[in-house]
Amino acid sequence: QVQLVDSGGGLVQAGGSLRLSCKFFGGIFSTYTLGWVRQGPGKDREFVAAISWRGGTPFYADSVKDRFTISRDNAKITVYLQLSSLKPEDTAVYYCASAYRRSAQRWGEYDYWGQGTQVTVSS
């Protein structure tokens, strides 16, 4: 059973940065696409970014492109999301998620989820 443990959220001022981390347990990390999904207050879940199990160019939502960077370290079985130039509208619970041996560019395509980490951006 795959388990994901995400961390790194916090309170930051607009324009600031944070790095989220997600540790992967219980499967073969290199066979999973890893992604980040967020849910803001009163909003639906929103896909943020994904990095394929096969490598290649990561995929981003338009709302975060050029501000957020997803990366993975197969040796540390961890996926990261670097958040920069943060805006108040980025306030949300951020979830890491995994999908086995397929690309996953919609939040509904993921099989396993972390518990979420809160990011709050003050104006």
Protein backbone atom coordinates (compact mmCIF):
# COMPACT_ATOMS: atom_id res chain seq x y z
CA GLN A 1 0.00 0.00 0.00
CA VAL A 2 1.48 3.31 -1.08
CA GLN A 3 1.64 6.05 1.55
CA LEU A 4 2.55 9.69 0.97
CA VAL A 5 3.57 12.10 3.71
CA ASP A 6 3.62 15.74 2.70
CA SER A 7 5.10 18.64 4.62
CA GLY A 8 6.54 22.12 4.32
CA GLY A 9 3.47 24.33 4.31
CA GLY A 10 3.18 27.50 6.34
CA LEU A 11 2.30 31.17 6.39
CA VAL A 12 4.14 33.42 3.96
CA GLN A 13 3.72 36.94 2.65
CA ALA A 14 2.77 37.61 -0.95
CA GLY A 15 5.83 37.42 -3.16
CA GLY A 16 7.50 34.92 -0.87
CA SER A 17 8.55 31.31 -1.38
CA LEU A 18 8.04 27.89 0.19
CA ARG A 19 9.20 24.38 -0.62
CA LEU A 20 6.84 21.48 -0.09
CA SER A 21 8.11 17.93 0.27
CA CYS A 22 6.40 14.57 -0.05
CA LYS A 23 7.97 11.31 1.08
CA PHE A 24 6.84 8.12 -0.64
CA PHE A 25 6.46 4.73 1.05
CA GLY A 26 5.24 1.28 0.11
CA GLY A 27 5.86 1.00 -3.61
CA ILE A 28 8.49 1.40 -6.30
CA PHE A 29 8.88 5.15 -6.49
CA SER A 30 10.33 5.19 -10.00
CA THR A 31 7.17 3.57 -11.41
CA TYR A 32 4.84 6.36 -10.25
CA THR A 33 3.99 9.72 -11.71
CA LEU A 34 3.99 12.22 -8.83
CA GLY A 35 1.81 15.29 -8.72
CA TRP A 36 0.52 18.11 -6.56
CA VAL A 37 -3.11 19.10 -6.24
CA ARG A 38 -4.54 21.92 -4.14
CA GLN A 39 -7.86 22.89 -2.67
CA GLY A 40 -8.47 26.49 -1.66
CA PRO A 41 -11.17 27.59 0.80
CA GLY A 42 -14.57 27.10 -0.78
CA LYS A 43 -13.04 25.86 -4.04
CA ASP A 44 -12.84 22.58 -5.92
CA ARG A 45 -9.62 20.60 -6.06
CA GLU A 46 -7.23 21.96 -8.68
CA PHE A 47 -4.38 20.15 -10.40
CA VAL A 48 -1.11 22.04 -9.90
CA ALA A 49 1.85 20.10 -11.33
CA ALA A 50 3.04 16.62 -12.26
CA ILE A 51 6.31 14.87 -13.05
CA SER A 52 6.17 11.62 -14.94
CA TRP A 53 7.55 8.29 -13.78
CA ARG A 54 9.43 8.25 -17.10
CA GLY A 55 11.01 11.67 -16.52
CA GLY A 56 10.73 14.30 -19.21
CA THR A 57 9.28 17.77 -18.96
CA PRO A 58 7.02 18.38 -15.97
CA PHE A 59 3.48 19.60 -16.57
CA TYR A 60 1.96 22.64 -14.85
CA ALA A 61 -1.39 24.32 -14.53
CA ASP A 62 -1.45 27.68 -16.29
CA SER A 63 -2.12 29.39 -12.96
CA VAL A 64 1.27 28.35 -11.55
CA LYS A 65 3.46 28.07 -14.64
CA ASP A 66 6.74 29.97 -14.31
CA ARG A 67 6.20 30.35 -10.54
CA PHE A 68 6.17 26.77 -9.23
CA THR A 69 8.68 24.00 -9.93
CA ILE A 70 8.12 20.29 -9.35
CA SER A 71 11.05 17.91 -9.01
CA ARG A 72 11.69 14.39 -7.79
CA ASP A 73 14.64 12.66 -6.17
CA ASN A 74 14.40 8.93 -6.80
CA ALA A 75 17.23 8.22 -4.36
CA LYS A 76 15.39 10.01 -1.53
CA ILE A 77 11.95 8.77 -2.69
CA THR A 78 10.72 12.33 -2.39
CA VAL A 79 8.91 14.78 -4.62
CA TYR A 80 9.19 18.52 -4.12
CA LEU A 81 7.18 21.56 -5.09
CA GLN A 82 9.02 24.87 -5.01
CA LEU A 83 6.53 27.72 -4.73
CA SER A 84 7.76 31.20 -5.68
CA SER A 85 6.18 34.60 -6.25
CA LEU A 86 3.28 33.47 -4.11
CA LYS A 87 -0.07 35.21 -4.35
CA PRO A 88 -2.98 35.25 -1.88
CA GLU A 89 -4.97 33.14 -4.35
CA ASP A 90 -2.39 30.37 -3.91
CA THR A 91 -3.73 29.86 -0.37
CA ALA A 92 -4.87 26.24 -0.19
CA VAL A 93 -4.24 22.81 1.25
CA TYR A 94 -1.66 21.19 -1.02
CA TYR A 95 -1.74 17.43 -1.52
CA CYS A 96 0.86 15.26 -3.15
CA ALA A 97 -0.48 12.31 -5.10
CA SER A 98 0.77 9.35 -7.12
CA ALA A 99 -0.39 7.49 -10.21
CA TYR A 100 1.05 4.14 -11.28
CA ARG A 101 2.77 3.98 -14.68
CA ARG A 102 0.67 6.61 -16.42
CA SER A 103 0.71 10.29 -16.98
CA ALA A 104 -1.75 12.12 -14.74
CA GLN A 105 -2.61 15.72 -15.56
CA ARG A 106 -6.00 15.87 -13.84
CA TRP A 107 -6.55 15.48 -10.12
CA GLY A 108 -9.01 12.64 -10.63
CA GLU A 109 -6.33 10.45 -12.25
CA TYR A 110 -4.35 9.85 -9.04
CA ASP A 111 -4.52 6.69 -6.95
CA TYR A 112 -2.92 7.66 -3.67
CA TRP A 113 -2.89 10.91 -1.71
CA GLY A 114 -0.95 12.54 1.09
CA GLN A 115 -2.70 14.07 4.07
CA GLY A 116 -2.20 17.63 2.83
CA THR A 117 -0.18 20.60 3.99
CA GLN A 118 -1.62 24.09 4.44
CA VAL A 119 -0.14 27.03 2.56
CA THR A 120 -1.42 30.47 3.53
CA VAL A 121 -0.32 33.57 1.63
CA SER A 122 -1.02 36.91 3.26
CA SER A 123 -1.39 40.10 1.25
